[in-house]
PDB file of all heavy atoms in Angstrom:
ATOM      1  N   LEU A   1     -20.970  -0.318  -2.786  1.00  0.00           N
ATOM      2  CA  LEU A   1     -21.162   0.039  -1.384  1.00  0.00           C
ATOM      3  C   LEU A   1     -20.060  -0.659  -0.464  1.00  0.00           C
ATOM      4  O   LEU A   1     -19.469   0.075   0.313  1.00  0.00           O
ATOM      5  CB  LEU A   1     -22.536  -0.457  -0.907  1.00  0.00           C
ATOM      6  CG  LEU A   1     -22.887  -0.173   0.530  1.00  0.00           C
ATOM      7  CD1 LEU A   1     -22.859   1.400   0.802  1.00  0.00           C
ATOM      8  CD2 LEU A   1     -24.247  -0.665   0.870  1.00  0.00           C
ATOM      9  N   GLU A   2     -19.770  -1.936  -0.766  1.00  0.00           N
ATOM     10  CA  GLU A   2     -18.698  -2.606   0.086  1.00  0.00           C
ATOM     11  C   GLU A   2     -17.351  -1.987  -0.139  1.00  0.00           C
ATOM     12  O   GLU A   2     -16.533  -1.908   0.766  1.00  0.00           O
ATOM     13  CB  GLU A   2     -18.732  -4.096  -0.225  1.00  0.00           C
ATOM     14  CG  GLU A   2     -17.783  -4.819   0.661  1.00  0.00           C
ATOM     15  CD  GLU A   2     -17.815  -6.345   0.414  1.00  0.00           C
ATOM     16  OE1 GLU A   2     -18.570  -6.812  -0.524  1.00  0.00           O
ATOM     17  OE2 GLU A   2     -17.127  -7.097   1.153  1.00  0.00           O
ATOM     18  N   SER A   3     -17.061  -1.557  -1.338  1.00  0.00           N
ATOM     19  CA  SER A   3     -15.803  -1.068  -1.650  1.00  0.00           C
ATOM     20  C   SER A   3     -15.573   0.281  -1.000  1.00  0.00           C
ATOM     21  O   SER A   3     -14.466   0.558  -0.516  1.00  0.00           O
ATOM     22  CB  SER A   3     -15.629  -0.921  -3.240  1.00  0.00           C
ATOM     23  OG  SER A   3     -16.463   0.159  -3.675  1.00  0.00           O
ATOM     24  N   TYR A   4     -16.606   1.158  -0.928  1.00  0.00           N
ATOM     25  CA  TYR A   4     -16.472   2.422  -0.231  1.00  0.00           C
ATOM     26  C   TYR A   4     -16.334   2.206   1.289  1.00  0.00           C
ATOM     27  O   TYR A   4     -15.662   3.072   1.946  1.00  0.00           O
ATOM     28  CB  TYR A   4     -17.664   3.345  -0.523  1.00  0.00           C
ATOM     29  CG  TYR A   4     -17.491   3.966  -1.993  1.00  0.00           C
ATOM     30  CD1 TYR A   4     -18.314   3.663  -2.928  1.00  0.00           C
ATOM     31  CD2 TYR A   4     -16.425   4.836  -2.191  1.00  0.00           C
ATOM     32  CE1 TYR A   4     -18.265   4.249  -4.240  1.00  0.00           C
ATOM     33  CE2 TYR A   4     -16.248   5.353  -3.455  1.00  0.00           C
ATOM     34  CZ  TYR A   4     -17.160   5.075  -4.494  1.00  0.00           C
ATOM     35  OH  TYR A   4     -16.977   5.666  -5.718  1.00  0.00           O
ATOM     36  N   ASP A   5     -16.880   1.131   1.804  1.00  0.00           N
ATOM     37  CA  ASP A   5     -16.656   0.838   3.230  1.00  0.00           C
ATOM     38  C   ASP A   5     -15.166   0.635   3.532  1.00  0.00           C
ATOM     39  O   ASP A   5     -14.698   0.689   4.635  1.00  0.00           O
ATOM     40  CB  ASP A   5     -17.542  -0.374   3.662  1.00  0.00           C
ATOM     41  CG  ASP A   5     -19.029  -0.032   3.758  1.00  0.00           C
ATOM     42  OD1 ASP A   5     -19.293   1.209   3.915  1.00  0.00           O
ATOM     43  OD2 ASP A   5     -19.805  -0.896   3.705  1.00  0.00           O
ATOM     44  N   LEU A   6     -14.483   0.140   2.435  1.00  0.00           N
ATOM     45  CA  LEU A   6     -13.039  -0.144   2.533  1.00  0.00           C
ATOM     46  C   LEU A   6     -12.149   1.031   2.103  1.00  0.00           C
ATOM     47  O   LEU A   6     -10.949   0.827   1.933  1.00  0.00           O
ATOM     48  CB  LEU A   6     -12.754  -1.455   1.723  1.00  0.00           C
ATOM     49  CG  LEU A   6     -13.297  -2.690   2.259  1.00  0.00           C
ATOM     50  CD1 LEU A   6     -13.240  -3.754   1.173  1.00  0.00           C
ATOM     51  CD2 LEU A   6     -12.739  -3.139   3.519  1.00  0.00           C
ATOM     52  N   ASN A   7     -12.780   2.207   1.974  1.00  0.00           N
ATOM     53  CA  ASN A   7     -12.065   3.444   1.772  1.00  0.00           C
ATOM     54  C   ASN A   7     -11.303   3.483   0.410  1.00  0.00           C
ATOM     55  O   ASN A   7     -10.174   3.862   0.282  1.00  0.00           O
ATOM     56  CB  ASN A   7     -11.047   3.746   2.905  1.00  0.00           C
ATOM     57  CG  ASN A   7     -11.748   4.020   4.200  1.00  0.00           C
ATOM     58  OD1 ASN A   7     -12.826   4.645   4.244  1.00  0.00           O
ATOM     59  ND2 ASN A   7     -11.254   3.376   5.232  1.00  0.00           N
ATOM     60  N   VAL A   8     -11.954   2.952  -0.706  1.00  0.00           N
ATOM     61  CA  VAL A   8     -11.396   3.098  -1.953  1.00  0.00           C
ATOM     62  C   VAL A   8     -11.526   4.628  -2.370  1.00  0.00           C
ATOM     63  O   VAL A   8     -12.436   5.278  -1.994  1.00  0.00           O
ATOM     64  CB  VAL A   8     -12.049   2.143  -3.025  1.00  0.00           C
ATOM     65  CG1 VAL A   8     -11.951   0.711  -2.606  1.00  0.00           C
ATOM     66  CG2 VAL A   8     -13.498   2.507  -3.314  1.00  0.00           C
ATOM     67  N   SER A   9     -10.626   5.020  -3.328  1.00  0.00           N
ATOM     68  CA  SER A   9     -10.682   6.381  -3.782  1.00  0.00           C
ATOM     69  C   SER A   9     -11.793   6.625  -4.821  1.00  0.00           C
ATOM     70  O   SER A   9     -12.368   7.697  -4.774  1.00  0.00           O
ATOM     71  CB  SER A   9      -9.372   6.802  -4.442  1.00  0.00           C
ATOM     72  OG  SER A   9      -8.339   6.710  -3.434  1.00  0.00           O
ATOM     73  N   ASP A  10     -12.050   5.604  -5.623  1.00  0.00           N
ATOM     74  CA  ASP A  10     -13.137   5.743  -6.642  1.00  0.00           C
ATOM     75  C   ASP A  10     -13.515   4.350  -7.144  1.00  0.00           C
ATOM     76  O   ASP A  10     -12.797   3.352  -6.942  1.00  0.00           O
ATOM     77  CB  ASP A  10     -12.670   6.702  -7.750  1.00  0.00           C
ATOM     78  CG  ASP A  10     -13.878   7.397  -8.345  1.00  0.00           C
ATOM     79  OD1 ASP A  10     -15.022   6.974  -8.318  1.00  0.00           O
ATOM     80  OD2 ASP A  10     -13.647   8.613  -8.747  1.00  0.00           O
ATOM     81  N   TYR A  11     -14.536   4.319  -7.900  1.00  0.00           N
ATOM     82  CA  TYR A  11     -15.126   3.099  -8.435  1.00  0.00           C
ATOM     83  C   TYR A  11     -15.502   3.427  -9.874  1.00  0.00           C
ATOM     84  O   TYR A  11     -16.502   4.097 -10.142  1.00  0.00           O
ATOM     85  CB  TYR A  11     -16.332   2.737  -7.525  1.00  0.00           C
ATOM     86  CG  TYR A  11     -16.997   1.392  -7.805  1.00  0.00           C
ATOM     87  CD1 TYR A  11     -16.555   0.326  -6.979  1.00  0.00           C
ATOM     88  CD2 TYR A  11     -17.857   1.100  -8.801  1.00  0.00           C
ATOM     89  CE1 TYR A  11     -17.142  -0.962  -7.139  1.00  0.00           C
ATOM     90  CE2 TYR A  11     -18.410  -0.178  -8.969  1.00  0.00           C
ATOM     91  CZ  TYR A  11     -18.079  -1.114  -8.187  1.00  0.00           C
ATOM     92  OH  TYR A  11     -18.600  -2.344  -8.397  1.00  0.00           O
ATOM     93  N   LEU A  12     -14.781   2.683 -10.778  1.00  0.00           N
ATOM     94  CA  LEU A  12     -15.013   2.920 -12.240  1.00  0.00           C
ATOM     95  C   LEU A  12     -15.700   1.748 -12.879  1.00  0.00           C
ATOM     96  O   LEU A  12     -15.208   0.663 -12.782  1.00  0.00           O
ATOM     97  CB  LEU A  12     -13.705   3.251 -12.958  1.00  0.00           C
ATOM     98  CG  LEU A  12     -12.883   4.489 -12.396  1.00  0.00           C
ATOM     99  CD1 LEU A  12     -11.594   4.556 -13.205  1.00  0.00           C
ATOM    100  CD2 LEU A  12     -13.732   5.720 -12.538  1.00  0.00           C
ATOM    101  N   LEU A  13     -16.833   2.031 -13.588  1.00  0.00           N
ATOM    102  CA  LEU A  13     -17.544   0.977 -14.217  1.00  0.00           C
ATOM    103  C   LEU A  13     -16.980   0.892 -15.688  1.00  0.00           C
ATOM    104  O   LEU A  13     -16.865   1.869 -16.393  1.00  0.00           O
ATOM    105  CB  LEU A  13     -19.069   1.277 -14.242  1.00  0.00           C
ATOM    106  CG  LEU A  13     -19.806   0.995 -12.888  1.00  0.00           C
ATOM    107  CD1 LEU A  13     -21.197   1.456 -13.048  1.00  0.00           C
ATOM    108  CD2 LEU A  13     -19.693  -0.444 -12.523  1.00  0.00           C
ATOM    109  N   LYS A  14     -16.772  -0.382 -16.137  1.00  0.00           N
ATOM    110  CA  LYS A  14     -16.384  -0.678 -17.399  1.00  0.00           C
ATOM    111  C   LYS A  14     -17.596  -0.620 -18.349  1.00  0.00           C
ATOM    112  O   LYS A  14     -18.710  -1.065 -17.985  1.00  0.00           O
ATOM    113  CB  LYS A  14     -15.669  -2.059 -17.550  1.00  0.00           C
ATOM    114  CG  LYS A  14     -14.468  -2.132 -16.728  1.00  0.00           C
ATOM    115  CD  LYS A  14     -13.880  -3.619 -16.790  1.00  0.00           C
ATOM    116  CE  LYS A  14     -12.709  -3.833 -15.861  1.00  0.00           C
ATOM    117  NZ  LYS A  14     -12.257  -5.251 -15.868  1.00  0.00           N
ATOM    118  N   PRO A  15     -17.460  -0.169 -19.641  1.00  0.00           N
ATOM    119  CA  PRO A  15     -16.220   0.361 -20.229  1.00  0.00           C
ATOM    120  C   PRO A  15     -15.926   1.791 -19.633  1.00  0.00           C
ATOM    121  O   PRO A  15     -16.880   2.607 -19.445  1.00  0.00           O
ATOM    122  CB  PRO A  15     -16.571   0.447 -21.707  1.00  0.00           C
ATOM    123  CG  PRO A  15     -18.018   0.595 -21.781  1.00  0.00           C
ATOM    124  CD  PRO A  15     -18.597  -0.245 -20.581  1.00  0.00           C
ATOM    125  N   ILE A  16     -14.637   2.039 -19.384  1.00  0.00           N
ATOM    126  CA  ILE A  16     -14.286   3.223 -18.630  1.00  0.00           C
ATOM    127  C   ILE A  16     -13.934   4.360 -19.680  1.00  0.00           C
ATOM    128  O   ILE A  16     -13.072   4.197 -20.562  1.00  0.00           O
ATOM    129  CB  ILE A  16     -12.999   3.013 -17.756  1.00  0.00           C
ATOM    130  CG1 ILE A  16     -13.365   1.929 -16.775  1.00  0.00           C
ATOM    131  CG2 ILE A  16     -12.669   4.241 -17.067  1.00  0.00           C
ATOM    132  CD1 ILE A  16     -12.103   1.409 -16.026  1.00  0.00           C
ATOM    133  N   ALA A  17     -14.602   5.496 -19.591  1.00  0.00           N
ATOM    134  CA  ALA A  17     -14.339   6.614 -20.418  1.00  0.00           C
ATOM    135  C   ALA A  17     -13.123   7.395 -19.916  1.00  0.00           C
ATOM    136  O   ALA A  17     -12.933   7.428 -18.635  1.00  0.00           O
ATOM    137  CB  ALA A  17     -15.527   7.544 -20.488  1.00  0.00           C
ATOM    138  N   PHE A  18     -12.346   7.998 -20.804  1.00  0.00           N
ATOM    139  CA  PHE A  18     -11.098   8.648 -20.248  1.00  0.00           C
ATOM    140  C   PHE A  18     -11.422   9.846 -19.344  1.00  0.00           C
ATOM    141  O   PHE A  18     -10.709   9.979 -18.351  1.00  0.00           O
ATOM    142  CB  PHE A  18     -10.262   9.186 -21.426  1.00  0.00           C
ATOM    143  CG  PHE A  18      -9.031   9.872 -21.009  1.00  0.00           C
ATOM    144  CD1 PHE A  18      -7.951   9.158 -20.504  1.00  0.00           C
ATOM    145  CD2 PHE A  18      -8.872  11.311 -21.117  1.00  0.00           C
ATOM    146  CE1 PHE A  18      -6.845   9.846 -20.045  1.00  0.00           C
ATOM    147  CE2 PHE A  18      -7.793  11.892 -20.637  1.00  0.00           C
ATOM    148  CZ  PHE A  18      -6.740  11.206 -20.130  1.00  0.00           C
ATOM    149  N   ASP A  19     -12.433  10.617 -19.612  1.00  0.00           N
ATOM    150  CA  ASP A  19     -12.793  11.783 -18.686  1.00  0.00           C
ATOM    151  C   ASP A  19     -13.110  11.272 -17.330  1.00  0.00           C
ATOM    152  O   ASP A  19     -12.712  11.996 -16.337  1.00  0.00           O
ATOM    153  CB  ASP A  19     -13.876  12.613 -19.330  1.00  0.00           C
ATOM    154  CG  ASP A  19     -15.191  11.822 -19.502  1.00  0.00           C
ATOM    155  OD1 ASP A  19     -15.131  10.596 -19.657  1.00  0.00           O
ATOM    156  OD2 ASP A  19     -16.244  12.514 -19.435  1.00  0.00           O
ATOM    157  N   ARG A  20     -13.808  10.167 -17.220  1.00  0.00           N
ATOM    158  CA  ARG A  20     -14.088   9.674 -15.906  1.00  0.00           C
ATOM    159  C   ARG A  20     -12.869   9.146 -15.222  1.00  0.00           C
ATOM    160  O   ARG A  20     -12.730   9.308 -13.984  1.00  0.00           O
ATOM    161  CB  ARG A  20     -15.195   8.526 -16.036  1.00  0.00           C
ATOM    162  CG  ARG A  20     -15.600   7.934 -14.719  1.00  0.00           C
ATOM    163  CD  ARG A  20     -16.398   8.983 -13.910  1.00  0.00           C
ATOM    164  NE  ARG A  20     -16.874   8.350 -12.647  1.00  0.00           N
ATOM    165  CZ  ARG A  20     -16.059   8.340 -11.541  1.00  0.00           C
ATOM    166  NH1 ARG A  20     -14.880   8.894 -11.560  1.00  0.00           N
ATOM    167  NH2 ARG A  20     -16.431   7.829 -10.431  1.00  0.00           N
ATOM    168  N   PHE A  21     -12.030   8.494 -15.981  1.00  0.00           N
ATOM    169  CA  PHE A  21     -10.743   7.988 -15.501  1.00  0.00           C
ATOM    170  C   PHE A  21      -9.873   9.203 -14.931  1.00  0.00           C
ATOM    171  O   PHE A  21      -9.323   9.160 -13.807  1.00  0.00           O
ATOM    172  CB  PHE A  21      -9.982   7.275 -16.531  1.00  0.00           C
ATOM    173  CG  PHE A  21      -8.595   6.896 -16.161  1.00  0.00           C
ATOM    174  CD1 PHE A  21      -8.331   5.672 -15.576  1.00  0.00           C
ATOM    175  CD2 PHE A  21      -7.492   7.709 -16.510  1.00  0.00           C
ATOM    176  CE1 PHE A  21      -7.011   5.248 -15.284  1.00  0.00           C
ATOM    177  CE2 PHE A  21      -6.153   7.321 -16.200  1.00  0.00           C
ATOM    178  CZ  PHE A  21      -5.938   6.089 -15.523  1.00  0.00           C
ATOM    179  N   TYR A  22      -9.822  10.286 -15.729  1.00  0.00           N
ATOM    180  CA  TYR A  22      -9.018  11.398 -15.312  1.00  0.00           C
ATOM    181  C   TYR A  22      -9.558  12.048 -14.011  1.00  0.00           C
ATOM    182  O   TYR A  22      -8.817  12.410 -13.188  1.00  0.00           O
ATOM    183  CB  TYR A  22      -8.928  12.434 -16.437  1.00  0.00           C
ATOM    184  CG  TYR A  22      -7.995  13.567 -16.153  1.00  0.00           C
ATOM    185  CD1 TYR A  22      -6.621  13.433 -16.452  1.00  0.00           C
ATOM    186  CD2 TYR A  22      -8.391  14.726 -15.446  1.00  0.00           C
ATOM    187  CE1 TYR A  22      -5.680  14.452 -16.178  1.00  0.00           C
ATOM    188  CE2 TYR A  22      -7.506  15.737 -15.198  1.00  0.00           C
ATOM    189  CZ  TYR A  22      -6.143  15.620 -15.517  1.00  0.00           C
ATOM    190  OH  TYR A  22      -5.264  16.536 -15.220  1.00  0.00           O
ATOM    191  N   LYS A  23     -10.905  12.127 -13.892  1.00  0.00           N
ATOM    192  CA  LYS A  23     -11.405  12.726 -12.720  1.00  0.00           C
ATOM    193  C   LYS A  23     -11.067  11.914 -11.514  1.00  0.00           C
ATOM    194  O   LYS A  23     -10.769  12.444 -10.438  1.00  0.00           O
ATOM    195  CB  LYS A  23     -13.017  12.735 -12.924  1.00  0.00           C
ATOM    196  CG  LYS A  23     -13.694  13.370 -11.714  1.00  0.00           C
ATOM    197  CD  LYS A  23     -15.248  13.457 -11.932  1.00  0.00           C
ATOM    198  CE  LYS A  23     -15.994  14.003 -10.708  1.00  0.00           C
ATOM    199  NZ  LYS A  23     -17.418  14.011 -11.011  1.00  0.00           N
ATOM    200  N   ALA A  24     -11.045  10.620 -11.663  1.00  0.00           N
ATOM    201  CA  ALA A  24     -10.690   9.684 -10.421  1.00  0.00           C
ATOM    202  C   ALA A  24      -9.251   9.948 -10.042  1.00  0.00           C
ATOM    203  O   ALA A  24      -8.936  10.034  -8.876  1.00  0.00           O
ATOM    204  CB  ALA A  24     -11.085   8.229 -10.798  1.00  0.00           C
ATOM    205  N   VAL A  25      -8.331   9.844 -11.034  1.00  0.00           N
ATOM    206  CA  VAL A  25      -6.903   9.978 -10.689  1.00  0.00           C
ATOM    207  C   VAL A  25      -6.554  11.385 -10.254  1.00  0.00           C
ATOM    208  O   VAL A  25      -5.706  11.544  -9.416  1.00  0.00           O
ATOM    209  CB  VAL A  25      -6.027   9.517 -11.849  1.00  0.00           C
ATOM    210  CG1 VAL A  25      -6.304   8.101 -12.195  1.00  0.00           C
ATOM    211  CG2 VAL A  25      -6.178  10.346 -13.039  1.00  0.00           C
ATOM    212  N   GLU A  26      -7.269  12.348 -10.784  1.00  0.00           N
ATOM    213  CA  GLU A  26      -6.968  13.702 -10.325  1.00  0.00           C
ATOM    214  C   GLU A  26      -7.351  13.931  -8.859  1.00  0.00           C
ATOM    215  O   GLU A  26      -6.581  14.583  -8.086  1.00  0.00           O
ATOM    216  CB  GLU A  26      -7.745  14.750 -11.162  1.00  0.00           C
ATOM    217  CG  GLU A  26      -7.485  16.199 -10.926  1.00  0.00           C
ATOM    218  CD  GLU A  26      -8.269  17.145 -11.694  1.00  0.00           C
ATOM    219  OE1 GLU A  26      -9.479  16.863 -11.955  1.00  0.00           O
ATOM    220  OE2 GLU A  26      -7.683  18.170 -12.146  1.00  0.00           O
ATOM    221  N   LYS A  27      -8.350  13.288  -8.419  1.00  0.00           N
ATOM    222  CA  LYS A  27      -8.744  13.316  -6.998  1.00  0.00           C
ATOM    223  C   LYS A  27      -7.673  12.760  -6.108  1.00  0.00           C
ATOM    224  O   LYS A  27      -7.290  13.412  -5.144  1.00  0.00           O
ATOM    225  CB  LYS A  27     -10.066  12.584  -6.815  1.00  0.00           C
ATOM    226  CG  LYS A  27     -10.600  12.548  -5.316  1.00  0.00           C
ATOM    227  CD  LYS A  27     -11.961  12.032  -5.200  1.00  0.00           C
ATOM    228  CE  LYS A  27     -12.171  10.621  -5.722  1.00  0.00           C
ATOM    229  NZ  LYS A  27     -13.502  10.076  -5.397  1.00  0.00           N
TER     230      LYS A  27
END
């Protein structure tokens, strides 16, 4: 919640799956 208040593009929880990673960077 605090990170989105600071306008981050995405928030990835470890362990990070590649498909979730790709979705974030594609955005």
